[in-house]
Amino acid sequence: MNTVINIKTKKDLKHKAQKTAGDLNCFGSALTMTPKLENLLGKIEYDVQKGKNLSQVIASKKELKNYPVFV
């Protein structure tokens, strides 16, 4: 879902904010995923939808401590 925010402000403040955002590399064009990343995320999304390759829910330190770790 896209959200639009409208703010009324003075022009000089707007230009200062745009310059600051540009200097900080904020609010630029949206980043795009590489095809390799899209493919990987697609596989992960498929697994999540099918309930495959997921770890159990860990709700406490004790459960975490007893969780088997494969290295």
C-alpha atoms as a PDB file:
ATOM      1  CA  MET A   1       0.000   0.000   0.000  1.00  0.00           C
ATOM      2  CA  ASN A   2       1.307   3.468  -0.841  1.00  0.00           C
ATOM      3  CA  THR A   3       0.831   6.338   1.539  1.00  0.00           C
ATOM      4  CA  VAL A   4       0.909   9.990   0.563  1.00  0.00           C
ATOM      5  CA  ILE A   5       1.854  12.666   3.079  1.00  0.00           C
ATOM      6  CA  ASN A   6       1.060  16.294   2.288  1.00  0.00           C
ATOM      7  CA  ILE A   7       2.701  19.056   4.322  1.00  0.00           C
ATOM      8  CA  LYS A   8       2.267  22.761   3.811  1.00  0.00           C
ATOM      9  CA  THR A   9       5.398  24.795   4.556  1.00  0.00           C
ATOM     10  CA  LYS A  10       7.309  27.858   3.446  1.00  0.00           C
ATOM     11  CA  LYS A  11       9.266  27.507   0.192  1.00  0.00           C
ATOM     12  CA  ASP A  12      12.639  28.268   1.765  1.00  0.00           C
ATOM     13  CA  LEU A  13      12.106  25.589   4.418  1.00  0.00           C
ATOM     14  CA  LYS A  14      11.088  23.109   1.722  1.00  0.00           C
ATOM     15  CA  HIS A  15      14.246  23.798  -0.286  1.00  0.00           C
ATOM     16  CA  LYS A  16      16.440  23.482   2.827  1.00  0.00           C
ATOM     17  CA  ALA A  17      14.776  20.166   3.689  1.00  0.00           C
ATOM     18  CA  GLN A  18      15.254  18.884   0.129  1.00  0.00           C
ATOM     19  CA  LYS A  19      18.931  19.876   0.198  1.00  0.00           C
ATOM     20  CA  THR A  20      19.450  18.185   3.578  1.00  0.00           C
ATOM     21  CA  ALA A  21      17.681  15.023   2.412  1.00  0.00           C
ATOM     22  CA  GLY A  22      19.812  15.013  -0.733  1.00  0.00           C
ATOM     23  CA  ASP A  23      23.007  15.491   1.294  1.00  0.00           C
ATOM     24  CA  LEU A  24      22.015  12.539   3.494  1.00  0.00           C
ATOM     25  CA  ASN A  25      20.929  10.437   0.497  1.00  0.00           C
ATOM     26  CA  CYS A  26      17.417  10.196   1.954  1.00  0.00           C
ATOM     27  CA  PHE A  27      14.174  10.060   0.057  1.00  0.00           C
ATOM     28  CA  GLY A  28      15.834   9.299  -3.239  1.00  0.00           C
ATOM     29  CA  SER A  29      14.501   7.016  -5.881  1.00  0.00           C
ATOM     30  CA  ALA A  30      13.313   3.644  -4.698  1.00  0.00           C
ATOM     31  CA  LEU A  31      15.886   0.891  -4.726  1.00  0.00           C
ATOM     32  CA  THR A  32      15.271  -2.068  -6.973  1.00  0.00           C
ATOM     33  CA  MET A  33      16.133  -5.666  -6.256  1.00  0.00           C
ATOM     34  CA  THR A  34      18.509  -7.590  -8.417  1.00  0.00           C
ATOM     35  CA  PRO A  35      17.017 -10.573 -10.248  1.00  0.00           C
ATOM     36  CA  LYS A  36      19.187 -12.841  -8.078  1.00  0.00           C
ATOM     37  CA  LEU A  37      17.714 -11.374  -4.866  1.00  0.00           C
ATOM     38  CA  GLU A  38      14.162 -11.523  -6.260  1.00  0.00           C
ATOM     39  CA  ASN A  39      14.669 -15.209  -7.074  1.00  0.00           C
ATOM     40  CA  LEU A  40      16.003 -15.949  -3.582  1.00  0.00           C
ATOM     41  CA  LEU A  41      13.168 -14.085  -1.865  1.00  0.00           C
ATOM     42  CA  GLY A  42      10.644 -15.844  -4.091  1.00  0.00           C
ATOM     43  CA  LYS A  43      11.928 -19.211  -2.879  1.00  0.00           C
ATOM     44  CA  ILE A  44      11.788 -18.061   0.733  1.00  0.00           C
ATOM     45  CA  GLU A  45       8.252 -16.706   0.305  1.00  0.00           C
ATOM     46  CA  TYR A  46       7.172 -20.037  -1.209  1.00  0.00           C
ATOM     47  CA  ASP A  47       8.622 -21.918   1.773  1.00  0.00           C
ATOM     48  CA  VAL A  48       6.875 -19.592   4.239  1.00  0.00           C
ATOM     49  CA  GLN A  49       3.534 -20.045   2.477  1.00  0.00           C
ATOM     50  CA  LYS A  50       3.961 -23.842   2.561  1.00  0.00           C
ATOM     51  CA  GLY A  51       5.236 -23.841   6.170  1.00  0.00           C
ATOM     52  CA  LYS A  52       8.523 -25.431   5.103  1.00  0.00           C
ATOM     53  CA  ASN A  53      12.065 -24.803   6.367  1.00  0.00           C
ATOM     54  CA  LEU A  54      10.926 -22.693   9.309  1.00  0.00           C
ATOM     55  CA  SER A  55      12.292 -22.788  12.840  1.00  0.00           C
ATOM     56  CA  GLN A  56      10.014 -23.087  15.839  1.00  0.00           C
ATOM     57  CA  VAL A  57       8.931 -20.045  17.823  1.00  0.00           C
ATOM     58  CA  ILE A  58      11.317 -19.285  20.670  1.00  0.00           C
ATOM     59  CA  ALA A  59       9.600 -17.339  23.448  1.00  0.00           C
ATOM     60  CA  SER A  60      12.104 -17.433  26.313  1.00  0.00           C
ATOM     61  CA  LYS A  61      15.804 -17.507  27.104  1.00  0.00           C
ATOM     62  CA  LYS A  62      15.408 -21.066  28.366  1.00  0.00           C
ATOM     63  CA  GLU A  63      13.914 -22.208  25.041  1.00  0.00           C
ATOM     64  CA  LEU A  64      16.696 -20.438  23.177  1.00  0.00           C
ATOM     65  CA  LYS A  65      19.317 -22.080  25.352  1.00  0.00           C
ATOM     66  CA  ASN A  66      17.845 -25.521  24.598  1.00  0.00           C
ATOM     67  CA  TYR A  67      17.396 -24.863  20.877  1.00  0.00           C
ATOM     68  CA  PRO A  68      19.554 -27.233  18.826  1.00  0.00           C
ATOM     69  CA  VAL A  69      22.105 -25.439  16.690  1.00  0.00           C
ATOM     70  CA  PHE A  70      23.668 -27.180  13.726  1.00  0.00           C
ATOM     71  CA  VAL A  71      27.024 -25.809  12.682  1.00  0.00           C
END
